[in-house]
Amino acid sequence: MTKQIATVLFAAAALTAAPASQKFTGTITDDMCGAEKHSGMKMGTDEKCVTECVKGMNAKYALFDGTNVYVLSDQKTPAKFAARKVTVTGTLNAQTKTIQVEKIEAAR
């Protein structure tokens, strides 16, 4: 009986353990334009388009990794990286396609 309880407790702990941080590399964009080219918005540079979409159109900063667009939980730090390639360290919620950001840095 003790062995069964230990097995159940171990399984419960494994299910509730926090997901591990990952590194995601891509370009800071906004969730409105996403993977699209910003030139279609006719706002100037990609950087200006991303910034304007976030400020004026209630879009959110996101990361485009070449395939997927992930909304970033941190909506302040990405401003200085708009339209630039970065590496985001954080935890992905695959259901909501949101990255819980721990760190954002310029990609090498």
Protein backbone atom coordinates (compact mmCIF):
# COMPACT_ATOMS: atom_id res chain seq x y z
CA MET A 1 0.00 0.00 0.00
CA THR A 2 2.85 2.41 0.84
CA LYS A 3 4.42 1.73 -2.55
CA GLN A 4 1.13 2.61 -4.29
CA ILE A 5 0.81 5.86 -2.36
CA ALA A 6 4.38 6.79 -3.21
CA THR A 7 3.72 6.08 -6.89
CA VAL A 8 0.57 8.23 -6.88
CA LEU A 9 2.37 11.09 -5.11
CA PHE A 10 5.28 10.91 -7.56
CA ALA A 11 2.90 10.97 -10.54
CA ALA A 12 1.00 13.94 -9.09
CA ALA A 13 4.23 15.84 -8.48
CA ALA A 14 5.38 15.18 -12.05
CA LEU A 15 2.10 16.50 -13.45
CA THR A 16 2.20 19.69 -11.41
CA ALA A 17 5.90 20.43 -11.95
CA ALA A 18 6.53 23.72 -13.71
CA PRO A 19 7.48 23.40 -17.37
CA ALA A 20 11.13 23.99 -18.13
CA SER A 21 12.32 27.23 -19.67
CA GLN A 22 13.20 27.16 -23.34
CA LYS A 23 14.93 29.50 -25.77
CA PHE A 24 13.01 30.79 -28.76
CA THR A 25 14.73 32.71 -31.54
CA GLY A 26 12.84 34.89 -33.96
CA THR A 27 11.78 38.42 -34.82
CA ILE A 28 9.81 40.75 -32.56
CA THR A 29 6.56 41.56 -34.33
CA ASP A 30 3.00 42.24 -33.23
CA ASP A 31 0.12 39.81 -33.03
CA MET A 32 -1.92 41.81 -35.55
CA CYS A 33 0.60 41.64 -38.42
CA GLY A 34 2.17 38.43 -37.14
CA ALA A 35 4.16 36.73 -39.87
CA GLU A 36 3.04 39.15 -42.59
CA LYS A 37 5.31 41.72 -44.14
CA HIS A 38 4.82 45.09 -42.49
CA SER A 39 5.20 46.95 -45.79
CA GLY A 40 1.53 46.28 -46.52
CA MET A 41 0.57 48.61 -43.68
CA LYS A 42 2.38 51.51 -45.36
CA MET A 43 3.67 52.88 -42.06
CA GLY A 44 7.33 53.05 -43.00
CA THR A 45 9.92 50.68 -41.58
CA ASP A 46 9.04 47.34 -40.03
CA GLU A 47 10.17 48.74 -36.68
CA LYS A 48 7.78 51.68 -36.95
CA CYS A 49 4.90 49.43 -38.02
CA VAL A 50 5.36 47.08 -35.06
CA THR A 51 5.61 49.98 -32.63
CA GLU A 52 2.59 51.79 -34.07
CA CYS A 53 0.45 48.65 -34.14
CA VAL A 54 1.17 48.02 -30.47
CA LYS A 55 0.65 51.63 -29.43
CA GLY A 56 -2.27 52.64 -31.60
CA MET A 57 -4.11 49.50 -32.56
CA ASN A 58 -4.03 47.54 -29.30
CA ALA A 59 -1.85 44.81 -30.80
CA LYS A 60 0.55 42.92 -28.54
CA TYR A 61 4.25 42.31 -28.97
CA ALA A 62 4.89 38.83 -30.27
CA LEU A 63 7.72 36.63 -31.50
CA PHE A 64 7.69 35.15 -35.00
CA ASP A 65 10.03 32.15 -35.16
CA GLY A 66 9.65 31.53 -38.89
CA THR A 67 6.62 29.28 -38.41
CA ASN A 68 4.63 30.39 -35.37
CA VAL A 69 3.64 33.68 -33.79
CA TYR A 70 3.80 33.68 -29.98
CA VAL A 71 2.41 36.52 -27.87
CA LEU A 72 4.89 37.66 -25.22
CA SER A 73 3.86 38.12 -21.59
CA ASP A 74 6.33 41.00 -21.23
CA GLN A 75 4.95 43.95 -23.20
CA LYS A 76 7.62 46.49 -22.23
CA THR A 77 11.01 44.95 -23.03
CA PRO A 78 10.16 43.99 -26.65
CA ALA A 79 9.66 47.68 -27.53
CA LYS A 80 13.41 48.23 -27.84
CA PHE A 81 13.71 45.16 -30.09
CA ALA A 82 10.83 45.90 -32.51
CA ALA A 83 11.42 44.14 -35.87
CA ARG A 84 14.80 42.79 -34.69
CA LYS A 85 15.97 39.21 -34.26
CA VAL A 86 16.05 38.15 -30.62
CA THR A 87 16.29 35.16 -28.35
CA VAL A 88 13.52 34.89 -25.78
CA THR A 89 14.00 32.69 -22.74
CA GLY A 90 10.75 31.58 -21.16
CA THR A 91 8.00 29.03 -20.84
CA LEU A 92 5.58 28.30 -23.67
CA ASN A 93 1.89 27.79 -23.10
CA ALA A 94 1.13 25.81 -26.27
CA GLN A 95 -2.64 26.18 -25.89
CA THR A 96 -2.60 29.98 -25.84
CA LYS A 97 0.60 30.34 -27.92
CA THR A 98 1.98 32.67 -25.25
CA ILE A 99 5.53 32.76 -23.92
CA GLN A 100 5.94 33.64 -20.26
CA VAL A 101 9.06 35.75 -20.71
CA GLU A 102 12.06 35.50 -18.40
CA LYS A 103 14.56 37.29 -20.62
CA ILE A 104 14.84 38.89 -24.08
CA GLU A 105 18.20 39.57 -25.70
CA ALA A 106 19.49 40.36 -29.16
CA ALA A 107 20.16 37.18 -31.13
CA ARG A 108 23.74 36.42 -32.06
